[in-house]
């Protein structure tokens, strides 16, 4: 039987629940009922009534607990998640039911939640699924007027772009966010933003998003996720970029090994042609070096301050000592604090490296965009700062094209050498200076 409840205004997200045997389904219903932008339709405990109820209520999002036995009727799940159904399906499962989640995703489910999950994770997943279904409805609306074309397989992997500064507070996160959005806008290709500040990442706050998955949850199950399931685990921002947020708790960072992060970045780069932009933390450790090992472009951010310039100079020296290819390093001068008497020529002389881009001073626009959770290149696209970030994105695209034409596509920043494996950060210093 199902208990139907009026939902009110049509613009609210209509949610249907197919619960399992535990009380989680009732809790989900209570949470949905408390949200102004959502309307709870029904809890359907009898699977034989599911299609009838869906036809009658036309839900936007269907939450299906795997404890309901839905996988024993896979054809029913495929009907619920079919493009023509008009609904997005989120499966709810226990933490150890990853194999069952994979089966559900293969049958068409658009997302998943692993118990226990928070209210914020639940609501974020529902809203994300609603955005997906809204896009799908828009595509279906114009489908009859467009000649169907066979789906082309990706011809190349995504380039990995690491945005890094040894000096904290110079605008690395702001640049990484806006660069990812600009790359999406400039190329029309996929753009994935990874918050690799494992302890204090705040990309989710800056973009005003919530996600049930993070770097921590992905690396712990990466071997069990195929590319399709990995792609569906990413949250899509309104700008069109996909996002991997930082772990929600500080202690999770200690469990993420450098090789875990390296494997995740490589897997993300295999999903689709485009760019994977990594917001790296300011520490220079094996985790940071693991990111540099696999990236094709390294953007080093500095500000026109003596302390920042000193730290960047030291970092560039370390790159030389460890055998990293400087030609793939782009230097960005960010006027994030205040106008300075130190100009671009002085910065280039001090660092011995040319500036790829200067980003203009725009404290009001940057602060407002962060507070609104809207990228600068969207909110203030005509500002000088936003235009300079877009120019940096175009420069990256040109460099990628040059690398491809020269036959070095996918080549990482650090050249592979027939040397003993590095045991510590500066273990190569003696050999380099001998």
Protein backbone atom coordinates (compact mmCIF):
# COMPACT_ATOMS: atom_id res chain seq x y z
CA UNK A 1 0.00 0.00 0.00
CA UNK A 2 1.05 3.58 -0.50
CA UNK A 3 0.13 6.66 1.50
CA UNK A 4 -0.17 9.65 -0.82
CA UNK A 5 0.28 13.20 0.42
CA UNK A 6 -0.49 16.37 -1.59
CA UNK A 7 2.66 18.24 -2.54
CA UNK A 8 1.47 21.78 -3.20
CA UNK A 9 3.15 24.02 -5.83
CA UNK A 10 4.33 22.34 -9.03
CA UNK A 11 7.79 23.91 -8.86
CA UNK A 12 8.68 21.82 -5.84
CA UNK A 13 10.80 18.70 -6.32
CA UNK A 14 8.42 15.76 -6.16
CA UNK A 15 9.94 12.85 -4.24
CA UNK A 16 8.76 9.24 -4.09
CA UNK A 17 10.28 6.72 -1.66
CA UNK A 18 10.48 2.94 -2.04
CA UNK A 19 11.69 1.99 1.47
CA UNK A 20 13.41 -1.09 2.80
CA UNK A 21 12.72 -2.94 6.03
CA UNK A 22 14.45 -0.44 8.33
CA UNK A 23 13.06 2.96 9.43
CA UNK A 24 15.36 4.94 7.10
CA UNK A 25 12.53 5.34 4.59
CA UNK A 26 10.32 7.03 7.20
CA UNK A 27 13.19 9.33 8.17
CA UNK A 28 13.73 10.27 4.51
CA UNK A 29 10.03 11.12 4.22
CA UNK A 30 10.18 13.38 7.29
CA UNK A 31 13.25 15.21 5.98
CA UNK A 32 11.67 15.79 2.56
CA UNK A 33 8.44 17.08 4.11
CA UNK A 34 10.39 19.72 6.04
CA UNK A 35 11.92 21.27 2.89
CA UNK A 36 10.13 24.16 1.20
CA UNK A 37 11.43 23.27 -2.26
CA UNK A 38 10.38 19.61 -2.02
CA UNK A 39 7.13 17.72 -1.86
CA UNK A 40 6.75 14.18 -0.53
CA UNK A 41 4.51 12.06 -2.73
CA UNK A 42 4.32 8.58 -1.23
CA UNK A 43 6.06 5.62 0.35
CA UNK A 44 5.49 2.56 -1.82
CA UNK A 45 6.13 -0.63 0.15
CA UNK A 46 4.51 -2.98 -2.36
CA UNK A 47 6.67 -3.19 -5.50
CA UNK A 48 3.70 -4.38 -7.52
CA UNK A 49 2.12 -0.95 -6.96
CA UNK A 50 5.20 1.01 -7.99
CA UNK A 51 4.45 1.70 -11.65
CA UNK A 52 0.82 2.49 -10.90
CA UNK A 53 1.83 5.01 -8.23
CA UNK A 54 4.49 6.59 -10.43
CA UNK A 55 2.07 6.97 -13.32
CA UNK A 56 -0.40 8.65 -10.97
CA UNK A 57 2.05 10.99 -9.17
CA UNK A 58 4.79 11.69 -11.80
CA UNK A 59 7.73 12.04 -9.36
CA UNK A 60 10.91 13.96 -10.17
CA UNK A 61 13.14 11.86 -7.91
CA UNK A 62 12.63 8.27 -6.73
CA UNK A 63 14.65 7.02 -3.75
CA UNK A 64 14.85 3.22 -3.83
CA UNK A 65 16.20 1.27 -0.86
CA UNK A 66 17.92 -1.91 -2.05
CA UNK A 67 16.36 -3.58 0.99
CA UNK A 68 13.05 -3.38 -0.86
CA UNK A 69 14.14 -6.25 -3.12
CA UNK A 70 14.21 -4.07 -6.24
CA UNK A 71 17.25 -5.92 -7.66
CA UNK A 72 15.17 -9.09 -7.78
CA UNK A 73 13.06 -7.25 -10.38
CA UNK A 74 15.73 -5.54 -12.51
CA UNK A 75 13.26 -4.85 -15.32
CA UNK A 76 11.25 -2.73 -12.88
CA UNK A 77 14.33 -0.70 -11.95
CA UNK A 78 15.12 -0.19 -15.65
CA UNK A 79 11.60 1.10 -16.22
CA UNK A 80 11.90 3.52 -13.30
CA UNK A 81 15.23 4.90 -14.52
CA UNK A 82 14.54 4.91 -18.27
CA UNK A 83 15.00 8.32 -19.96
CA UNK A 84 11.36 8.44 -21.00
CA UNK A 85 10.17 7.87 -17.41
CA UNK A 86 10.87 11.50 -16.51
CA UNK A 87 12.28 10.52 -13.09
CA UNK A 88 15.75 10.29 -11.60
CA UNK A 89 16.49 7.25 -9.43
CA UNK A 90 18.73 7.29 -6.34
CA UNK A 91 19.45 3.94 -4.71
CA UNK A 92 19.96 3.67 -0.95
CA UNK A 93 22.25 0.90 0.30
CA UNK A 94 24.32 -0.28 3.23
CA UNK A 95 28.04 0.57 3.25
CA UNK A 96 29.06 -2.98 2.30
CA UNK A 97 26.65 -3.29 -0.62
CA UNK A 98 28.86 -1.69 -3.26
CA UNK A 99 28.39 -4.63 -5.66
CA UNK A 100 24.62 -4.23 -5.41
CA UNK A 101 24.97 -0.49 -6.01
CA UNK A 102 26.98 -1.23 -9.14
CA UNK A 103 24.22 -3.52 -10.39
CA UNK A 104 21.62 -0.84 -9.75
CA UNK A 105 23.69 1.77 -11.61
CA UNK A 106 24.07 -0.59 -14.57
CA UNK A 107 20.28 -0.85 -14.64
CA UNK A 108 20.02 2.93 -14.96
CA UNK A 109 20.09 4.47 -11.46
CA UNK A 110 21.50 8.01 -11.53
CA UNK A 111 22.97 8.15 -8.02
CA UNK A 112 23.39 6.37 -4.71
CA UNK A 113 23.55 7.00 -0.96
CA UNK A 114 25.36 4.72 1.48
CA UNK A 115 24.01 4.38 5.02
CA UNK A 116 24.49 6.10 7.33
CA UNK A 117 24.16 9.44 5.56
CA UNK A 118 23.33 12.88 6.87
CA UNK A 119 20.36 15.10 6.17
CA UNK A 120 22.60 17.43 4.15
CA UNK A 121 23.87 14.52 2.04
CA UNK A 122 20.31 13.35 1.40
CA UNK A 123 19.04 16.77 0.35
CA UNK A 124 22.13 17.46 -1.75
CA UNK A 125 21.68 14.18 -3.63
CA UNK A 126 18.00 14.88 -4.28
CA UNK A 127 18.72 18.36 -5.63
CA UNK A 128 21.60 17.07 -7.74
CA UNK A 129 19.39 14.31 -9.18
CA UNK A 130 16.69 16.89 -9.93
CA UNK A 131 19.20 18.98 -11.90
CA UNK A 132 20.11 15.91 -13.92
CA UNK A 133 16.50 15.10 -14.70
CA UNK A 134 15.80 18.73 -15.64
CA UNK A 135 18.63 18.57 -18.20
CA UNK A 136 17.35 15.24 -19.48
CA UNK A 137 13.84 16.62 -19.92
CA UNK A 138 15.22 19.59 -21.86
CA UNK A 139 17.17 17.24 -24.14
CA UNK A 140 14.10 15.07 -24.73
CA UNK A 141 12.08 18.16 -25.61
CA UNK A 142 14.29 18.94 -28.62
CA UNK A 143 15.16 15.35 -29.52
CA UNK A 144 12.58 14.98 -32.35
CA UNK A 145 14.11 17.97 -34.16
CA UNK A 146 17.67 16.66 -34.00
CA UNK A 147 18.97 13.90 -36.21
CA UNK A 148 20.31 11.11 -34.07
CA UNK A 149 24.05 10.61 -34.32
CA UNK A 150 26.04 7.61 -33.09
CA UNK A 151 27.81 8.34 -29.83
CA UNK A 152 31.48 9.01 -30.46
CA UNK A 153 34.00 7.39 -28.20
CA UNK A 154 36.40 9.81 -26.44
CA UNK A 155 39.50 10.20 -28.57
CA UNK A 156 41.75 11.37 -25.76
CA UNK A 157 42.07 11.40 -22.02
CA UNK A 158 41.58 14.54 -19.97
CA UNK A 159 44.62 16.67 -19.19
CA UNK A 160 45.37 16.92 -15.47
CA UNK A 161 46.04 20.51 -14.35
CA UNK A 162 47.40 21.05 -10.83
CA UNK A 163 46.99 24.53 -9.32
CA UNK A 164 49.51 24.95 -6.50
CA UNK A 165 51.32 27.48 -4.36
CA UNK A 166 53.78 26.88 -1.54
CA UNK A 167 52.34 30.00 0.07
CA UNK A 168 48.86 29.72 1.55
CA UNK A 169 46.26 32.41 1.07
CA UNK A 170 47.33 33.59 -2.38
CA UNK A 171 44.07 32.63 -4.11
CA UNK A 172 44.83 29.11 -5.29
CA UNK A 173 41.32 27.78 -4.61
CA UNK A 174 39.63 30.74 -6.29
CA UNK A 175 41.84 30.32 -9.34
CA UNK A 176 41.28 26.54 -9.52
CA UNK A 177 37.50 26.91 -9.31
CA UNK A 178 37.27 29.61 -11.95
CA UNK A 179 39.82 27.95 -14.21
CA UNK A 180 37.75 24.74 -14.23
CA UNK A 181 34.61 26.72 -15.12
CA UNK A 182 36.46 28.74 -17.77
CA UNK A 183 37.88 25.59 -19.38
CA UNK A 184 34.37 24.15 -19.60
CA UNK A 185 33.07 27.35 -21.17
CA UNK A 186 35.97 27.78 -23.60
CA UNK A 187 36.18 24.20 -24.86
CA UNK A 188 32.75 22.70 -24.25
CA UNK A 189 34.60 19.60 -23.04
CA UNK A 190 34.29 17.90 -19.68
CA UNK A 191 35.86 19.73 -16.74
CA UNK A 192 36.28 18.08 -13.35
CA UNK A 193 37.42 20.00 -10.26
CA UNK A 194 39.14 18.05 -7.48
CA UNK A 195 39.57 19.58 -4.03
CA UNK A 196 42.85 18.00 -2.94
CA UNK A 197 43.27 20.15 0.17
CA UNK A 198 42.62 17.03 2.20
CA UNK A 199 42.29 18.70 5.59
CA UNK A 200 40.91 22.19 4.99
CA UNK A 201 39.39 22.08 1.52
CA UNK A 202 36.49 24.47 1.00
CA UNK A 203 35.60 24.14 -2.67
CA UNK A 204 32.14 22.87 -1.66
CA UNK A 205 31.52 26.02 0.39
CA UNK A 206 32.85 28.29 -2.36
CA UNK A 207 30.49 26.64 -4.87
CA UNK A 208 27.57 26.27 -2.43
CA UNK A 209 27.25 22.53 -3.02
CA UNK A 210 26.97 19.41 -0.90
CA UNK A 211 27.99 15.92 -1.93
CA UNK A 212 27.50 12.48 -0.42
CA UNK A 213 30.86 11.42 -1.87
CA UNK A 214 34.32 12.89 -1.31
CA UNK A 215 37.93 12.03 -2.07
CA UNK A 216 37.93 9.89 1.06
CA UNK A 217 34.95 7.76 0.09
CA UNK A 218 36.08 7.44 -3.53
CA UNK A 219 39.64 6.28 -2.88
CA UNK A 220 38.43 3.72 -0.34
CA UNK A 221 36.21 2.04 -2.96
CA UNK A 222 38.03 2.98 -6.18
CA UNK A 223 38.98 -0.60 -7.05
CA UNK A 224 35.32 -1.57 -6.88
CA UNK A 225 34.04 1.31 -9.04
CA UNK A 226 34.01 1.03 -12.82
CA UNK A 227 34.24 4.25 -14.84
CA UNK A 228 30.48 4.54 -15.24
CA UNK A 229 29.87 4.31 -11.52
CA UNK A 230 32.79 6.65 -10.77
CA UNK A 231 31.40 9.25 -13.16
CA UNK A 232 27.97 9.08 -11.57
CA UNK A 233 29.53 9.53 -8.14
CA UNK A 234 30.65 13.06 -9.02
CA UNK A 235 28.44 16.02 -8.21
CA UNK A 236 27.58 18.36 -11.08
CA UNK A 237 27.69 22.11 -10.40
CA UNK A 238 25.32 24.53 -12.13
CA UNK A 239 28.20 25.73 -14.31
CA UNK A 240 28.45 22.27 -15.86
CA UNK A 241 31.68 21.21 -14.17
CA UNK A 242 31.85 18.07 -12.06
CA UNK A 243 33.32 18.26 -8.56
CA UNK A 244 35.09 15.94 -6.13
CA UNK A 245 35.00 17.55 -2.70
CA UNK A 246 37.53 17.21 0.11
CA UNK A 247 36.93 14.79 3.00
CA UNK A 248 34.37 16.09 5.52
CA UNK A 249 36.53 15.16 8.55
CA UNK A 250 40.16 16.03 9.28
CA UNK A 251 41.21 12.52 10.30
CA UNK A 252 40.27 11.09 6.89
CA UNK A 253 43.28 12.83 5.33
CA UNK A 254 45.66 10.55 7.23
CA UNK A 255 44.14 7.48 5.58
CA UNK A 256 44.65 8.76 2.02
CA UNK A 257 48.01 7.66 0.69
CA UNK A 258 49.82 9.44 -2.18
CA UNK A 259 49.30 6.46 -4.46
CA UNK A 260 45.55 6.56 -3.68
CA UNK A 261 45.28 10.14 -4.85
CA UNK A 262 47.42 9.47 -7.92
CA UNK A 263 45.20 6.55 -8.93
CA UNK A 264 42.05 8.63 -8.46
CA UNK A 265 43.36 11.43 -10.69
CA UNK A 266 44.34 8.97 -13.39
CA UNK A 267 40.92 7.29 -13.26
CA UNK A 268 39.17 10.67 -13.50
CA UNK A 269 41.28 11.56 -16.53
CA UNK A 270 40.08 8.38 -18.26
CA UNK A 271 36.38 9.22 -17.97
CA UNK A 272 36.14 11.76 -20.77
CA UNK A 273 38.19 14.09 -22.91
CA UNK A 274 38.69 17.48 -21.29
CA UNK A 275 40.40 18.67 -18.12
CA UNK A 276 40.81 17.59 -14.51
CA UNK A 277 41.70 20.66 -12.43
CA UNK A 278 43.22 19.94 -9.01
CA UNK A 279 43.20 22.47 -6.18
CA UNK A 280 46.31 21.34 -4.27
CA UNK A 281 47.16 22.16 -0.68
CA UNK A 282 50.20 24.31 0.07
CA UNK A 283 52.22 21.59 1.80
CA UNK A 284 55.11 20.16 -0.22
CA UNK A 285 55.04 16.47 0.65
CA UNK A 286 54.75 13.11 -1.06
CA UNK A 287 51.03 13.66 -1.64
CA UNK A 288 51.72 16.89 -3.51
CA UNK A 289 54.52 15.25 -5.49
CA UNK A 290 52.17 12.39 -6.41
CA UNK A 291 49.86 14.95 -8.03
CA UNK A 292 52.77 16.53 -9.89
CA UNK A 293 53.87 13.10 -11.13
CA UNK A 294 50.68 12.63 -13.15
CA UNK A 295 49.76 16.14 -14.28
CA UNK A 296 50.38 17.57 -17.74
CA UNK A 297 50.21 21.20 -16.60
CA UNK A 298 51.33 22.79 -13.33
CA UNK A 299 50.08 26.28 -12.50
CA UNK A 300 52.12 27.87 -9.71
CA UNK A 301 50.38 30.82 -8.06
CA UNK A 302 52.18 33.70 -6.38
CA UNK A 303 51.27 37.16 -5.17
CA UNK A 304 53.41 40.32 -5.37
CA UNK A 305 54.75 39.89 -1.84
CA UNK A 306 58.34 39.20 -0.91
CA UNK A 307 57.46 36.20 1.28
CA UNK A 308 55.33 34.60 -1.44
CA UNK A 309 58.02 35.18 -4.06
CA UNK A 310 60.65 33.65 -1.81
CA UNK A 311 58.55 30.52 -1.22
CA UNK A 312 57.82 30.11 -4.93
CA UNK A 313 61.51 30.55 -5.76
CA UNK A 314 62.38 27.75 -3.35
CA UNK A 315 59.66 25.55 -4.81
CA UNK A 316 60.96 26.05 -8.36
CA UNK A 317 64.42 25.04 -7.14
CA UNK A 318 62.94 21.82 -5.72
CA UNK A 319 61.29 21.09 -9.09
CA UNK A 320 64.72 21.33 -10.72
CA UNK A 321 66.32 19.11 -8.09
CA UNK A 322 63.68 16.43 -8.51
CA UNK A 323 63.82 16.44 -12.30
CA UNK A 324 60.47 18.03 -13.10
CA UNK A 325 60.04 19.57 -16.53
CA UNK A 326 59.88 23.35 -16.06
CA UNK A 327 58.48 23.86 -19.54
CA UNK A 328 55.12 22.51 -18.34
CA UNK A 329 55.01 24.98 -15.43
CA UNK A 330 52.91 28.11 -15.82
CA UNK A 331 53.42 30.96 -13.37
CA UNK A 332 50.37 33.04 -12.41
CA UNK A 333 50.71 36.34 -10.54
CA UNK A 334 47.59 36.95 -8.48
CA UNK A 335 47.00 40.39 -6.97
CA UNK A 336 44.77 38.87 -4.28
CA UNK A 337 45.77 41.10 -1.36
CA UNK A 338 46.39 44.63 -2.58
CA UNK A 339 48.04 46.58 -5.31
CA UNK A 340 51.80 46.32 -5.12
CA UNK A 341 54.85 48.21 -6.31
CA UNK A 342 56.31 44.86 -7.38
CA UNK A 343 55.41 44.51 -11.05
CA UNK A 344 55.49 41.63 -13.49
CA UNK A 345 59.05 42.30 -14.73
CA UNK A 346 60.39 42.26 -11.15
CA UNK A 347 58.54 39.00 -10.43
CA UNK A 348 59.99 37.33 -13.54
CA UNK A 349 63.52 38.47 -12.68
CA UNK A 350 63.18 37.30 -9.07
CA UNK A 351 61.86 33.86 -10.02
CA UNK A 352 63.79 33.29 -13.22
CA UNK A 353 60.60 32.11 -14.91
CA UNK A 354 58.22 33.94 -17.28
CA UNK A 355 54.72 34.85 -16.16
CA UNK A 356 51.98 33.07 -18.05
CA UNK A 357 49.22 35.31 -16.71
CA UNK A 358 48.67 38.22 -14.34
CA UNK A 359 45.31 38.24 -12.57
CA UNK A 360 44.08 41.71 -11.73
CA UNK A 361 43.20 42.92 -8.25
CA UNK A 362 39.44 42.50 -7.70
CA UNK A 363 38.69 42.12 -3.96
CA UNK A 364 35.02 43.13 -4.12
CA UNK A 365 34.13 40.83 -7.01
CA UNK A 366 36.07 37.87 -5.61
CA UNK A 367 34.60 38.23 -2.12
CA UNK A 368 31.05 38.60 -3.44
CA UNK A 369 31.36 35.60 -5.75
CA UNK A 370 32.66 33.44 -2.90
CA UNK A 371 29.88 34.56 -0.55
CA UNK A 372 27.26 33.85 -3.22
CA UNK A 373 28.76 30.49 -4.11
CA UNK A 374 28.96 31.54 -7.78
CA UNK A 375 32.26 31.45 -9.72
CA UNK A 376 33.80 34.80 -10.56
CA UNK A 377 33.86 34.03 -14.30
CA UNK A 378 30.09 33.60 -14.17
CA UNK A 379 29.05 36.31 -11.72
CA UNK A 380 31.51 38.96 -12.96
CA UNK A 381 32.49 37.63 -16.36
CA UNK A 382 33.27 41.13 -17.70
CA UNK A 383 35.69 41.98 -14.89
CA UNK A 384 39.39 42.17 -15.66
CA UNK A 385 40.13 39.38 -13.19
CA UNK A 386 37.61 37.02 -14.83
CA UNK A 387 38.91 37.85 -18.29
CA UNK A 388 42.49 37.12 -17.25
CA UNK A 389 41.46 33.70 -15.90
CA UNK A 390 39.68 32.99 -19.18
CA UNK A 391 42.86 33.95 -21.05
CA UNK A 392 44.78 31.51 -18.87
CA UNK A 393 42.25 28.81 -19.78
CA UNK A 394 42.74 29.52 -23.48
CA UNK A 395 46.52 29.36 -23.00
CA UNK A 396 46.13 25.91 -21.43
CA UNK A 397 44.02 24.76 -24.37
CA UNK A 398 46.68 25.99 -26.81
CA UNK A 399 49.43 24.19 -24.88
CA UNK A 400 47.41 20.98 -24.85
CA UNK A 401 46.98 21.22 -28.61
CA UNK A 402 50.72 21.80 -29.05
CA UNK A 403 51.56 18.79 -26.90
CA UNK A 404 49.18 16.62 -28.91
CA UNK A 405 50.62 17.81 -32.24
CA UNK A 406 54.12 17.10 -31.00
CA UNK A 407 53.17 13.59 -29.95
CA UNK A 408 53.61 14.15 -26.21
CA UNK A 409 49.95 13.87 -25.23
CA UNK A 410 49.50 12.64 -21.69
CA UNK A 411 53.11 13.29 -20.75
CA UNK A 412 53.39 14.17 -17.05
CA UNK A 413 55.22 17.16 -15.64
CA UNK A 414 58.09 15.04 -14.35
CA UNK A 415 60.04 13.08 -16.90
CA UNK A 416 60.44 9.38 -16.14
CA UNK A 417 64.03 8.57 -15.34
CA UNK A 418 65.96 5.35 -14.82
CA UNK A 419 66.87 6.33 -11.29
CA UNK A 420 66.32 4.66 -7.91
CA UNK A 421 62.91 5.28 -6.45
CA UNK A 422 62.75 8.48 -4.38
CA UNK A 423 62.46 7.67 -0.67
CA UNK A 424 62.12 11.21 0.63
CA UNK A 425 61.41 14.68 -0.62
CA UNK A 426 65.04 15.75 -1.00
CA UNK A 427 66.68 12.35 -1.40
CA UNK A 428 67.66 13.35 -4.96
CA UNK A 429 69.59 16.44 -3.87
CA UNK A 430 72.98 14.72 -3.61
CA UNK A 431 72.71 13.14 -7.04
CA UNK A 432 71.46 16.37 -8.58
CA UNK A 433 74.30 18.46 -7.22
CA UNK A 434 77.11 15.95 -7.72
